[in-house]
Amino acid sequence: NMLSGIYKTIIDYDDFVQGLKHHWLLRSAFKNENKTNSPP
């Protein structure tokens, strides 16, 4: 079950970062909207 736990941690971290991007206070820190890798 170790791999499923690591995978869940990475998904949660990505959701956290996406939430920070939409926050009005931290939106200016994420100006580059070009996505090089789409989430799996």
Full PDB file with SEQRES, HELIX, SHEET, SSBOND, CRYST1, ORIGX, SCALE, CONECT and MASTER records, all heavy atoms in Angstrom:
SEQRES   1 A   40  ASN MET LEU SER GLY ILE TYR LYS THR ILE ILE ASP TYR          
SEQRES   2 A   40  ASP ASP PHE VAL GLN GLY LEU LYS HIS HIS TRP LEU LEU          
SEQRES   3 A   40  ARG SER ALA PHE LYS ASN GLU ASN LYS THR ASN SER PRO          
SEQRES   4 A   40  PRO                                                          
HELIX    1 AA1 MET A    2  HIS A   22  1                                  21    
HELIX    2 AA2 ARG A   27  ALA A   29  5                                   3    
CRYST1    1.000    1.000    1.000  90.00  90.00  90.00 P 1           1          
ORIGX1      1.000000  0.000000  0.000000        0.00000                         
ORIGX2      0.000000  1.000000  0.000000        0.00000                         
ORIGX3      0.000000  0.000000  1.000000        0.00000                         
SCALE1      1.000000  0.000000  0.000000        0.00000                         
SCALE2      0.000000  1.000000  0.000000        0.00000                         
SCALE3      0.000000  0.000000  1.000000        0.00000                         
ATOM      1  N   ASN A   1       0.813  -1.216   0.000  1.00  0.00           N  
ATOM      2  CA  ASN A   1       0.000   0.000   0.000  1.00  0.00           C  
ATOM      3  C   ASN A   1       0.839   1.255   0.000  1.00  0.00           C  
ATOM      4  O   ASN A   1       0.307   2.362   0.082  1.00  0.00           O  
ATOM      5  CB  ASN A   1      -0.942   0.008   1.208  1.00  0.00           C  
ATOM      6  CG  ASN A   1      -1.958  -1.142   1.145  1.00  0.00           C  
ATOM      7  OD1 ASN A   1      -2.391  -1.521   0.049  1.00  0.00           O  
ATOM      8  ND2 ASN A   1      -2.346  -1.664   2.292  1.00  0.00           N  
ATOM      9  N   MET A   2       2.146   1.137  -0.060  1.00  0.00           N  
ATOM     10  CA  MET A   2       3.014   2.330   0.028  1.00  0.00           C  
ATOM     11  C   MET A   2       2.836   3.211  -1.204  1.00  0.00           C  
ATOM     12  O   MET A   2       2.752   4.430  -1.099  1.00  0.00           O  
ATOM     13  CB  MET A   2       4.485   1.907   0.150  1.00  0.00           C  
ATOM     14  CG  MET A   2       5.458   3.097   0.277  1.00  0.00           C  
ATOM     15  SD  MET A   2       7.168   2.553   0.383  1.00  0.00           S  
ATOM     16  CE  MET A   2       7.121   1.711   1.961  1.00  0.00           C  
ATOM     17  N   LEU A   3       2.748   2.618  -2.406  1.00  0.00           N  
ATOM     18  CA  LEU A   3       2.643   3.422  -3.629  1.00  0.00           C  
ATOM     19  C   LEU A   3       1.330   4.172  -3.675  1.00  0.00           C  
ATOM     20  O   LEU A   3       1.277   5.319  -4.114  1.00  0.00           O  
ATOM     21  CB  LEU A   3       2.755   2.515  -4.856  1.00  0.00           C  
ATOM     22  CG  LEU A   3       4.141   1.905  -5.119  1.00  0.00           C  
ATOM     23  CD1 LEU A   3       4.096   0.986  -6.316  1.00  0.00           C  
ATOM     24  CD2 LEU A   3       5.164   2.999  -5.328  1.00  0.00           C  
ATOM     25  N   SER A   4       0.232   3.544  -3.226  1.00  0.00           N  
ATOM     26  CA  SER A   4      -1.050   4.266  -3.251  1.00  0.00           C  
ATOM     27  C   SER A   4      -1.023   5.437  -2.304  1.00  0.00           C  
ATOM     28  O   SER A   4      -1.568   6.500  -2.589  1.00  0.00           O  
ATOM     29  CB  SER A   4      -2.193   3.296  -2.900  1.00  0.00           C  
ATOM     30  OG  SER A   4      -1.990   2.750  -1.608  1.00  0.00           O  
ATOM     31  N   GLY A   5      -0.306   5.322  -1.172  1.00  0.00           N  
ATOM     32  CA  GLY A   5      -0.197   6.445  -0.235  1.00  0.00           C  
ATOM     33  C   GLY A   5       0.617   7.575  -0.823  1.00  0.00           C  
ATOM     34  O   GLY A   5       0.280   8.747  -0.669  1.00  0.00           O  
ATOM     35  N   ILE A   6       1.737   7.239  -1.472  1.00  0.00           N  
ATOM     36  CA  ILE A   6       2.569   8.279  -2.092  1.00  0.00           C  
ATOM     37  C   ILE A   6       1.797   8.991  -3.190  1.00  0.00           C  
ATOM     38  O   ILE A   6       1.837  10.217  -3.322  1.00  0.00           O  
ATOM     39  CB  ILE A   6       3.851   7.656  -2.644  1.00  0.00           C  
ATOM     40  CG1 ILE A   6       4.710   7.136  -1.495  1.00  0.00           C  
ATOM     41  CG2 ILE A   6       4.653   8.647  -3.476  1.00  0.00           C  
ATOM     42  CD1 ILE A   6       5.920   6.340  -1.940  1.00  0.00           C  
ATOM     43  N   TYR A   7       1.011   8.227  -3.950  1.00  0.00           N  
ATOM     44  CA  TYR A   7       0.255   8.830  -5.045  1.00  0.00           C  
ATOM     45  C   TYR A   7      -0.800   9.763  -4.493  1.00  0.00           C  
ATOM     46  O   TYR A   7      -1.009  10.871  -5.010  1.00  0.00           O  
ATOM     47  CB  TYR A   7      -0.367   7.699  -5.882  1.00  0.00           C  
ATOM     48  CG  TYR A   7      -1.246   8.201  -6.994  1.00  0.00           C  
ATOM     49  CD1 TYR A   7      -0.664   8.724  -8.147  1.00  0.00           C  
ATOM     50  CD2 TYR A   7      -2.631   8.188  -6.879  1.00  0.00           C  
ATOM     51  CE1 TYR A   7      -1.465   9.187  -9.151  1.00  0.00           C  
ATOM     52  CE2 TYR A   7      -3.417   8.678  -7.898  1.00  0.00           C  
ATOM     53  CZ  TYR A   7      -2.830   9.171  -9.053  1.00  0.00           C  
ATOM     54  OH  TYR A   7      -3.629   9.653 -10.072  1.00  0.00           O  
ATOM     55  N   LYS A   8      -1.472   9.392  -3.415  1.00  0.00           N  
ATOM     56  CA  LYS A   8      -2.488  10.241  -2.808  1.00  0.00           C  
ATOM     57  C   LYS A   8      -1.879  11.517  -2.265  1.00  0.00           C  
ATOM     58  O   LYS A   8      -2.452  12.594  -2.360  1.00  0.00           O  
ATOM     59  CB  LYS A   8      -3.214   9.451  -1.704  1.00  0.00           C  
ATOM     60  CG  LYS A   8      -4.415  10.216  -1.101  1.00  0.00           C  
ATOM     61  CD  LYS A   8      -5.158   9.334  -0.112  1.00  0.00           C  
ATOM     62  CE  LYS A   8      -6.386  10.076   0.445  1.00  0.00           C  
ATOM     63  NZ  LYS A   8      -6.071  11.359   1.061  1.00  0.00           N  
ATOM     64  N   THR A   9      -0.667  11.417  -1.705  1.00  0.00           N  
ATOM     65  CA  THR A   9       0.005  12.614  -1.171  1.00  0.00           C  
ATOM     66  C   THR A   9       0.293  13.592  -2.293  1.00  0.00           C  
ATOM     67  O   THR A   9       0.128  14.807  -2.142  1.00  0.00           O  
ATOM     68  CB  THR A   9       1.302  12.195  -0.470  1.00  0.00           C  
ATOM     69  OG1 THR A   9       0.999  11.273   0.556  1.00  0.00           O  
ATOM     70  CG2 THR A   9       2.018  13.399   0.097  1.00  0.00           C  
ATOM     71  N   ILE A  10       0.747  13.091  -3.440  1.00  0.00           N  
ATOM     72  CA  ILE A  10       1.064  13.976  -4.579  1.00  0.00           C  
ATOM     73  C   ILE A  10      -0.192  14.655  -5.093  1.00  0.00           C  
ATOM     74  O   ILE A  10      -0.189  15.854  -5.405  1.00  0.00           O  
ATOM     75  CB  ILE A  10       1.738  13.159  -5.694  1.00  0.00           C  
ATOM     76  CG1 ILE A  10       3.113  12.689  -5.235  1.00  0.00           C  
ATOM     77  CG2 ILE A  10       1.886  13.974  -6.980  1.00  0.00           C  
ATOM     78  CD1 ILE A  10       3.789  11.723  -6.182  1.00  0.00           C  
ATOM     79  N   ILE A  11      -1.350  13.939  -5.135  1.00  0.00           N  
ATOM     80  CA  ILE A  11      -2.606  14.523  -5.604  1.00  0.00           C  
ATOM     81  C   ILE A  11      -3.061  15.619  -4.666  1.00  0.00           C  
ATOM     82  O   ILE A  11      -3.492  16.695  -5.089  1.00  0.00           O  
ATOM     83  CB  ILE A  11      -3.682  13.433  -5.789  1.00  0.00           C  
ATOM     84  CG1 ILE A  11      -3.277  12.468  -6.924  1.00  0.00           C  
ATOM     85  CG2 ILE A  11      -5.033  14.051  -6.089  1.00  0.00           C  
ATOM     86  CD1 ILE A  11      -3.112  13.133  -8.250  1.00  0.00           C  
ATOM     87  N   ASP A  12      -2.935  15.366  -3.397  1.00  0.00           N  
ATOM     88  CA  ASP A  12      -3.357  16.390  -2.418  1.00  0.00           C  
ATOM     89  C   ASP A  12      -2.487  17.632  -2.526  1.00  0.00           C  
ATOM     90  O   ASP A  12      -2.973  18.759  -2.409  1.00  0.00           O  
ATOM     91  CB  ASP A  12      -3.283  15.792  -1.006  1.00  0.00           C  
ATOM     92  CG  ASP A  12      -4.318  14.667  -0.807  1.00  0.00           C  
ATOM     93  OD1 ASP A  12      -5.318  14.654  -1.595  1.00  0.00           O  
ATOM     94  OD2 ASP A  12      -4.128  13.828   0.093  1.00  0.00           O  
ATOM     95  N   TYR A  13      -1.201  17.423  -2.742  1.00  0.00           N  
ATOM     96  CA  TYR A  13      -0.292  18.571  -2.865  1.00  0.00           C  
ATOM     97  C   TYR A  13      -0.642  19.371  -4.104  1.00  0.00           C  
ATOM     98  O   TYR A  13      -0.639  20.608  -4.069  1.00  0.00           O  
ATOM     99  CB  TYR A  13       1.150  18.069  -2.945  1.00  0.00           C  
ATOM    100  CG  TYR A  13       2.140  19.193  -3.167  1.00  0.00           C  
ATOM    101  CD1 TYR A  13       2.475  20.069  -2.125  1.00  0.00           C  
ATOM    102  CD2 TYR A  13       2.690  19.396  -4.422  1.00  0.00           C  
ATOM    103  CE1 TYR A  13       3.355  21.101  -2.364  1.00  0.00           C  
ATOM    104  CE2 TYR A  13       3.584  20.419  -4.650  1.00  0.00           C  
ATOM    105  CZ  TYR A  13       3.915  21.276  -3.596  1.00  0.00           C  
ATOM    106  OH  TYR A  13       4.798  22.307  -3.813  1.00  0.00           O  
ATOM    107  N   ASP A  14      -1.035  18.722  -5.176  1.00  0.00           N  
ATOM    108  CA  ASP A  14      -1.387  19.433  -6.394  1.00  0.00           C  
ATOM    109  C   ASP A  14      -2.681  20.217  -6.196  1.00  0.00           C  
ATOM    110  O   ASP A  14      -2.792  21.349  -6.657  1.00  0.00           O  
ATOM    111  CB  ASP A  14      -1.535  18.432  -7.539  1.00  0.00           C  
ATOM    112  CG  ASP A  14      -1.816  19.121  -8.861  1.00  0.00           C  
ATOM    113  OD1 ASP A  14      -0.899  19.837  -9.365  1.00  0.00           O  
ATOM    114  OD2 ASP A  14      -2.913  18.968  -9.395  1.00  0.00           O  
ATOM    115  N   ASP A  15      -3.641  19.662  -5.525  1.00  0.00           N  
ATOM    116  CA  ASP A  15      -4.883  20.395  -5.243  1.00  0.00           C  
ATOM    117  C   ASP A  15      -4.619  21.605  -4.393  1.00  0.00           C  
ATOM    118  O   ASP A  15      -5.206  22.687  -4.590  1.00  0.00           O  
ATOM    119  CB  ASP A  15      -5.902  19.467  -4.549  1.00  0.00           C  
ATOM    120  CG  ASP A  15      -6.351  18.341  -5.482  1.00  0.00           C  
ATOM    121  OD1 ASP A  15      -6.231  18.530  -6.738  1.00  0.00           O  
ATOM    122  OD2 ASP A  15      -6.806  17.294  -5.004  1.00  0.00           O  
ATOM    123  N   PHE A  16      -3.686  21.457  -3.436  1.00  0.00           N  
ATOM    124  CA  PHE A  16      -3.338  22.582  -2.569  1.00  0.00           C  
ATOM    125  C   PHE A  16      -2.719  23.717  -3.380  1.00  0.00           C  
ATOM    126  O   PHE A  16      -3.082  24.886  -3.199  1.00  0.00           O  
ATOM    127  CB  PHE A  16      -2.376  22.091  -1.483  1.00  0.00           C  
ATOM    128  CG  PHE A  16      -1.862  23.214  -0.594  1.00  0.00           C  
ATOM    129  CD1 PHE A  16      -2.706  23.835   0.342  1.00  0.00           C  
ATOM    130  CD2 PHE A  16      -0.571  23.667  -0.706  1.00  0.00           C  
ATOM    131  CE1 PHE A  16      -2.224  24.860   1.135  1.00  0.00           C  
ATOM    132  CE2 PHE A  16      -0.095  24.666   0.084  1.00  0.00           C  
ATOM    133  CZ  PHE A  16      -0.920  25.292   1.030  1.00  0.00           C  
ATOM    134  N   VAL A  17      -1.849  23.367  -4.308  1.00  0.00           N  
ATOM    135  CA  VAL A  17      -1.205  24.394  -5.121  1.00  0.00           C  
ATOM    136  C   VAL A  17      -2.212  25.061  -6.046  1.00  0.00           C  
ATOM    137  O   VAL A  17      -2.192  26.280  -6.224  1.00  0.00           O  
ATOM    138  CB  VAL A  17      -0.052  23.775  -5.929  1.00  0.00           C  
ATOM    139  CG1 VAL A  17       0.504  24.770  -6.932  1.00  0.00           C  
ATOM    140  CG2 VAL A  17       1.054  23.308  -5.009  1.00  0.00           C  
ATOM    141  N   GLN A  18      -3.157  24.287  -6.617  1.00  0.00           N  
ATOM    142  CA  GLN A  18      -4.168  24.878  -7.478  1.00  0.00           C  
ATOM    143  C   GLN A  18      -5.062  25.830  -6.705  1.00  0.00           C  
ATOM    144  O   GLN A  18      -5.500  26.855  -7.206  1.00  0.00           O  
ATOM    145  CB  GLN A  18      -5.015  23.762  -8.142  1.00  0.00           C  
ATOM    146  CG  GLN A  18      -4.236  22.898  -9.129  1.00  0.00           C  
ATOM    147  CD  GLN A  18      -3.748  23.659 -10.316  1.00  0.00           C  
ATOM    148  OE1 GLN A  18      -4.379  24.644 -10.738  1.00  0.00           O  
ATOM    149  NE2 GLN A  18      -2.589  23.234 -10.831  1.00  0.00           N  
ATOM    150  N   GLY A  19      -5.329  25.517  -5.443  1.00  0.00           N  
ATOM    151  CA  GLY A  19      -6.118  26.434  -4.626  1.00  0.00           C  
ATOM    152  C   GLY A  19      -5.387  27.713  -4.338  1.00  0.00           C  
ATOM    153  O   GLY A  19      -5.978  28.783  -4.316  1.00  0.00           O  
ATOM    154  N   LEU A  20      -4.088  27.628  -4.129  1.00  0.00           N  
ATOM    155  CA  LEU A  20      -3.310  28.850  -3.911  1.00  0.00           C  
ATOM    156  C   LEU A  20      -3.308  29.735  -5.150  1.00  0.00           C  
ATOM    157  O   LEU A  20      -3.287  30.956  -5.048  1.00  0.00           O  
ATOM    158  CB  LEU A  20      -1.873  28.489  -3.529  1.00  0.00           C  
ATOM    159  CG  LEU A  20      -1.687  27.834  -2.142  1.00  0.00           C  
ATOM    160  CD1 LEU A  20      -0.239  27.473  -1.936  1.00  0.00           C  
ATOM    161  CD2 LEU A  20      -2.166  28.760  -1.026  1.00  0.00           C  
ATOM    162  N   LYS A  21      -3.311  29.116  -6.366  1.00  0.00           N  
ATOM    163  CA  LYS A  21      -3.327  29.915  -7.575  1.00  0.00           C  
ATOM    164  C   LYS A  21      -4.575  30.752  -7.696  1.00  0.00           C  
ATOM    165  O   LYS A  21      -4.533  31.864  -8.231  1.00  0.00           O  
ATOM    166  CB  LYS A  21      -3.222  28.992  -8.801  1.00  0.00           C  
ATOM    167  CG  LYS A  21      -1.838  28.434  -9.056  1.00  0.00           C  
ATOM    168  CD  LYS A  21      -1.834  27.624 -10.332  1.00  0.00           C  
ATOM    169  CE  LYS A  21      -0.469  27.075 -10.637  1.00  0.00           C  
ATOM    170  NZ  LYS A  21      -0.457  26.305 -11.894  1.00  0.00           N  
ATOM    171  N   HIS A  22      -5.698  30.268  -7.265  1.00  0.00           N  
ATOM    172  CA  HIS A  22      -6.942  31.005  -7.397  1.00  0.00           C  
ATOM    173  C   HIS A  22      -7.183  31.990  -6.265  1.00  0.00           C  
ATOM    174  O   HIS A  22      -8.170  32.724  -6.275  1.00  0.00           O  
ATOM    175  CB  HIS A  22      -8.123  30.007  -7.483  1.00  0.00           C  
ATOM    176  CG  HIS A  22      -8.082  29.166  -8.731  1.00  0.00           C  
ATOM    177  ND1 HIS A  22      -7.365  27.989  -8.814  1.00  0.00           N  
ATOM    178  CD2 HIS A  22      -8.679  29.346  -9.957  1.00  0.00           C  
ATOM    179  CE1 HIS A  22      -7.515  27.471 -10.009  1.00  0.00           C  
ATOM    180  NE2 HIS A  22      -8.321  28.298 -10.750  1.00  0.00           N  
ATOM    181  N   HIS A  23      -6.366  32.021  -5.240  1.00  0.00           N  
ATOM    182  CA  HIS A  23      -6.521  32.971  -4.148  1.00  0.00           C  
ATOM    183  C   HIS A  23      -6.121  34.341  -4.626  1.00  0.00           C  
ATOM    184  O   HIS A  23      -5.130  34.504  -5.345  1.00  0.00           O  
ATOM    185  CB  HIS A  23      -5.661  32.533  -2.952  1.00  0.00           C  
ATOM    186  CG  HIS A  23      -6.074  33.244  -1.666  1.00  0.00           C  
ATOM    187  ND1 HIS A  23      -5.567  34.460  -1.298  1.00  0.00           N  
ATOM    188  CD2 HIS A  23      -6.973  32.888  -0.694  1.00  0.00           C  
ATOM    189  CE1 HIS A  23      -6.106  34.831  -0.145  1.00  0.00           C  
ATOM    190  NE2 HIS A  23      -6.973  33.876   0.261  1.00  0.00           N  
ATOM    191  N   TRP A  24      -6.887  35.330  -4.250  1.00  0.00           N  
ATOM    192  CA  TRP A  24      -6.631  36.687  -4.753  1.00  0.00           C  
ATOM    193  C   TRP A  24      -5.335  37.261  -4.256  1.00  0.00           C  
ATOM    194  O   TRP A  24      -4.726  38.114  -4.922  1.00  0.00           O  
ATOM    195  CB  TRP A  24      -7.795  37.620  -4.334  1.00  0.00           C  
ATOM    196  CG  TRP A  24      -7.887  37.800  -2.802  1.00  0.00           C  
ATOM    197  CD1 TRP A  24      -8.553  37.021  -1.931  1.00  0.00           C  
ATOM    198  CD2 TRP A  24      -7.257  38.827  -2.071  1.00  0.00           C  
ATOM    199  NE1 TRP A  24      -8.408  37.472  -0.648  1.00  0.00           N  
ATOM    200  CE2 TRP A  24      -7.578  38.616  -0.722  1.00  0.00           C  
ATOM    201  CE3 TRP A  24      -6.451  39.930  -2.417  1.00  0.00           C  
ATOM    202  CZ2 TRP A  24      -7.113  39.455   0.303  1.00  0.00           C  
ATOM    203  CZ3 TRP A  24      -6.015  40.733  -1.401  1.00  0.00           C  
ATOM    204  CH2 TRP A  24      -6.326  40.496  -0.035  1.00  0.00           C  
ATOM    205  N   LEU A  25      -4.839  36.829  -3.143  1.00  0.00           N  
ATOM    206  CA  LEU A  25      -3.607  37.399  -2.588  1.00  0.00           C  
ATOM    207  C   LEU A  25      -2.367  36.815  -3.259  1.00  0.00           C  
ATOM    208  O   LEU A  25      -1.365  37.516  -3.460  1.00  0.00           O  
ATOM    209  CB  LEU A  25      -3.569  37.143  -1.081  1.00  0.00           C  
ATOM    210  CG  LEU A  25      -2.358  37.751  -0.333  1.00  0.00           C  
ATOM    211  CD1 LEU A  25      -2.339  39.276  -0.485  1.00  0.00           C  
ATOM    212  CD2 LEU A  25      -2.417  37.381   1.149  1.00  0.00           C  
ATOM    213  N   LEU A  26      -2.461  35.538  -3.663  1.00  0.00           N  
ATOM    214  CA  LEU A  26      -1.276  34.872  -4.228  1.00  0.00           C  
ATOM    215  C   LEU A  26      -1.392  34.662  -5.731  1.00  0.00           C  
ATOM    216  O   LEU A  26      -0.600  33.940  -6.332  1.00  0.00           O  
ATOM    217  CB  LEU A  26      -1.090  33.508  -3.541  1.00  0.00           C  
ATOM    218  CG  LEU A  26      -0.892  33.546  -2.027  1.00  0.00           C  
ATOM    219  CD1 LEU A  26      -0.824  32.143  -1.472  1.00  0.00           C  
ATOM    220  CD2 LEU A  26       0.363  34.313  -1.664  1.00  0.00           C  
ATOM    221  N   ARG A  27      -2.401  35.271  -6.399  1.00  0.00           N  
ATOM    222  CA  ARG A  27      -2.586  35.040  -7.822  1.00  0.00           C  
ATOM    223  C   ARG A  27      -1.455  35.636  -8.658  1.00  0.00           C  
ATOM    224  O   ARG A  27      -1.063  35.097  -9.689  1.00  0.00           O  
ATOM    225  CB  ARG A  27      -3.918  35.663  -8.248  1.00  0.00           C  
ATOM    226  CG  ARG A  27      -4.307  35.360  -9.688  1.00  0.00           C  
ATOM    227  CD  ARG A  27      -5.644  35.977  -9.995  1.00  0.00           C  
ATOM    228  NE  ARG A  27      -6.661  35.464  -9.078  1.00  0.00           N  
ATOM    229  CZ  ARG A  27      -7.897  35.985  -8.961  1.00  0.00           C  
ATOM    230  NH1 ARG A  27      -8.243  37.049  -9.684  1.00  0.00           N  
ATOM    231  NH2 ARG A  27      -8.774  35.479  -8.105  1.00  0.00           N  
ATOM    232  N   SER A  28      -0.895  36.775  -8.194  1.00  0.00           N  
ATOM    233  CA  SER A  28       0.179  37.413  -8.979  1.00  0.00           C  
ATOM    234  C   SER A  28       1.462  36.603  -8.985  1.00  0.00           C  
ATOM    235  O   SER A  28       2.328  36.809  -9.833  1.00  0.00           O  
ATOM    236  CB  SER A  28       0.445  38.814  -8.417  1.00  0.00           C  
ATOM    237  OG  SER A  28       0.875  38.701  -7.058  1.00  0.00           O  
ATOM    238  N   ALA A  29       1.615  35.681  -8.038  1.00  0.00           N  
ATOM    239  CA  ALA A  29       2.838  34.863  -8.000  1.00  0.00           C  
ATOM    240  C   ALA A  29       2.822  33.779  -9.045  1.00  0.00           C  
ATOM    241  O   ALA A  29       3.853  33.151  -9.305  1.00  0.00           O  
ATOM    242  CB  ALA A  29       3.008  34.258  -6.593  1.00  0.00           C  
ATOM    243  N   PHE A  30       1.649  33.511  -9.669  1.00  0.00           N  
ATOM    244  CA  PHE A  30       1.530  32.445 -10.684  1.00  0.00           C  
ATOM    245  C   PHE A  30       1.056  33.061 -12.010  1.00  0.00           C  
ATOM    246  O   PHE A  30      -0.051  32.849 -12.466  1.00  0.00           O  
ATOM    247  CB  PHE A  30       0.525  31.370 -10.229  1.00  0.00           C  
ATOM    248  CG  PHE A  30       0.900  30.719  -8.910  1.00  0.00           C  
ATOM    249  CD1 PHE A  30       0.376  31.173  -7.707  1.00  0.00           C  
ATOM    250  CD2 PHE A  30       1.788  29.664  -8.909  1.00  0.00           C  
ATOM    251  CE1 PHE A  30       0.729  30.582  -6.513  1.00  0.00           C  
ATOM    252  CE2 PHE A  30       2.122  29.082  -7.699  1.00  0.00           C  
ATOM    253  CZ  PHE A  30       1.611  29.521  -6.485  1.00  0.00           C  
ATOM    254  N   LYS A  31       1.957  33.907 -12.672  1.00  0.00           N  
ATOM    255  CA  LYS A  31       1.605  34.564 -13.939  1.00  0.00           C  
ATOM    256  C   LYS A  31       1.730  33.626 -15.137  1.00  0.00           C  
ATOM    257  O   LYS A  31       1.058  33.791 -16.128  1.00  0.00           O  
ATOM    258  CB  LYS A  31       2.481  35.789 -14.171  1.00  0.00           C  
ATOM    259  CG  LYS A  31       2.220  36.905 -13.176  1.00  0.00           C  
ATOM    260  CD  LYS A  31       3.094  38.105 -13.491  1.00  0.00           C  
ATOM    261  CE  LYS A  31       2.803  39.237 -12.515  1.00  0.00           C  
ATOM    262  NZ  LYS A  31       3.613  40.448 -12.783  1.00  0.00           N  
ATOM    263  N   ASN A  32       2.616  32.686 -15.128  1.00  0.00           N  
ATOM    264  CA  ASN A  32       2.838  31.782 -16.279  1.00  0.00           C  
ATOM    265  C   ASN A  32       1.758  30.721 -16.286  1.00  0.00           C  
ATOM    266  O   ASN A  32       1.710  29.869 -15.402  1.00  0.00           O  
ATOM    267  CB  ASN A  32       4.226  31.138 -16.172  1.00  0.00           C  
ATOM    268  CG  ASN A  32       4.564  30.359 -17.428  1.00  0.00           C  
ATOM    269  OD1 ASN A  32       3.844  30.424 -18.397  1.00  0.00           O  
ATOM    270  ND2 ASN A  32       5.676  29.649 -17.369  1.00  0.00           N  
ATOM    271  N   GLU A  33       0.867  30.866 -17.285  1.00  0.00           N  
ATOM    272  CA  GLU A  33      -0.239  29.947 -17.388  1.00  0.00           C  
ATOM    273  C   GLU A  33       0.054  28.780 -18.316  1.00  0.00           C  
ATOM    274  O   GLU A  33      -0.799  27.932 -18.531  1.00  0.00           O  
ATOM    275  CB  GLU A  33      -1.478  30.683 -17.903  1.00  0.00           C  
ATOM    276  CG  GLU A  33      -1.971  31.759 -16.967  1.00  0.00           C  
ATOM    277  CD  GLU A  33      -2.454  31.209 -15.629  1.00  0.00           C  
ATOM    278  OE1 GLU A  33      -2.815  30.017 -15.574  1.00  0.00           O  
ATOM    279  OE2 GLU A  33      -2.463  31.953 -14.651  1.00  0.00           O  
ATOM    280  N   ASN A  34       1.280  28.776 -18.941  1.00  0.00           N  
ATOM    281  CA  ASN A  34       1.603  27.689 -19.880  1.00  0.00           C  
ATOM    282  C   ASN A  34       1.909  26.440 -19.108  1.00  0.00           C  
ATOM    283  O   ASN A  34       2.818  26.396 -18.287  1.00  0.00           O  
ATOM    284  CB  ASN A  34       2.808  28.071 -20.751  1.00  0.00           C  
ATOM    285  CG  ASN A  34       2.496  29.252 -21.646  1.00  0.00           C  
ATOM    286  OD1 ASN A  34       1.358  29.419 -22.075  1.00  0.00           O  
ATOM    287  ND2 ASN A  34       3.500  30.084 -21.886  1.00  0.00           N  
ATOM    288  N   LYS A  35       1.169  25.438 -19.348  1.00  0.00           N  
ATOM    289  CA  LYS A  35       1.328  24.171 -18.646  1.00  0.00           C  
ATOM    290  C   LYS A  35       2.113  23.231 -19.527  1.00  0.00           C  
ATOM    291  O   LYS A  35       1.729  22.963 -20.638  1.00  0.00           O  
ATOM    292  CB  LYS A  35      -0.046  23.560 -18.332  1.00  0.00           C  
ATOM    293  CG  LYS A  35      -0.882  24.412 -17.405  1.00  0.00           C  
ATOM    294  CD  LYS A  35      -2.235  23.765 -17.127  1.00  0.00           C  
ATOM    295  CE  LYS A  35      -3.090  24.626 -16.208  1.00  0.00           C  
ATOM    296  NZ  LYS A  35      -4.416  24.004 -15.908  1.00  0.00           N  
ATOM    297  N   THR A  36       3.220  22.791 -18.991  1.00  0.00           N  
ATOM    298  CA  THR A  36       4.089  21.894 -19.761  1.00  0.00           C  
ATOM    299  C   THR A  36       3.659  20.459 -19.600  1.00  0.00           C  
ATOM    300  O   THR A  36       3.693  19.692 -20.549  1.00  0.00           O  
ATOM    301  CB  THR A  36       5.541  22.056 -19.296  1.00  0.00           C  
ATOM    302  OG1 THR A  36       5.618  21.798 -17.909  1.00  0.00           O  
ATOM    303  CG2 THR A  36       6.040  23.461 -19.570  1.00  0.00           C  
ATOM    304  N   ASN A  37       3.180  20.103 -18.430  1.00  0.00           N  
ATOM    305  CA  ASN A  37       2.763  18.714 -18.191  1.00  0.00           C  
ATOM    306  C   ASN A  37       1.351  18.715 -17.614  1.00  0.00           C  
ATOM    307  O   ASN A  37       1.080  19.378 -16.601  1.00  0.00           O  
ATOM    308  CB  ASN A  37       3.699  18.014 -17.212  1.00  0.00           C  
ATOM    309  CG  ASN A  37       5.105  17.865 -17.819  1.00  0.00           C  
ATOM    310  OD1 ASN A  37       5.226  17.626 -18.994  1.00  0.00           O  
ATOM    311  ND2 ASN A  37       6.121  18.034 -16.963  1.00  0.00           N  
ATOM    312  N   SER A  38       0.448  18.055 -18.237  1.00  0.00           N  
ATOM    313  CA  SER A  38      -0.925  17.935 -17.723  1.00  0.00           C  
ATOM    314  C   SER A  38      -0.946  16.903 -16.608  1.00  0.00           C  
ATOM    315  O   SER A  38      -0.192  15.919 -16.661  1.00  0.00           O  
ATOM    316  CB  SER A  38      -1.888  17.521 -18.846  1.00  0.00           C  
ATOM    317  OG  SER A  38      -1.847  18.500 -19.860  1.00  0.00           O  
ATOM    318  N   PRO A  39      -1.769  17.126 -15.624  1.00  0.00           N  
ATOM    319  CA  PRO A  39      -1.833  16.137 -14.533  1.00  0.00           C  
ATOM    320  C   PRO A  39      -2.363  14.815 -15.048  1.00  0.00           C  
ATOM    321  O   PRO A  39      -3.214  14.776 -15.928  1.00  0.00           O  
ATOM    322  CB  PRO A  39      -2.786  16.772 -13.529  1.00  0.00           C  
ATOM    323  CG  PRO A  39      -3.596  17.732 -14.337  1.00  0.00           C  
ATOM    324  CD  PRO A  39      -2.701  18.247 -15.402  1.00  0.00           C  
ATOM    325  N   PRO A  40      -1.817  13.739 -14.582  1.00  0.00           N  
ATOM    326  CA  PRO A  40      -2.289  12.427 -15.046  1.00  0.00           C  
ATOM    327  C   PRO A  40      -3.732  12.171 -14.609  1.00  0.00           C  
ATOM    328  O   PRO A  40      -4.188  12.698 -13.593  1.00  0.00           O  
ATOM    329  CB  PRO A  40      -1.316  11.459 -14.380  1.00  0.00           C  
ATOM    330  CG  PRO A  40      -0.811  12.188 -13.191  1.00  0.00           C  
ATOM    331  CD  PRO A  40      -0.772  13.626 -13.542  1.00  0.00           C  
TER     332      PRO A  40                                                      
MASTER        0    0    0    2    0    0    0    6  331    1    0    4          
END                                                                             
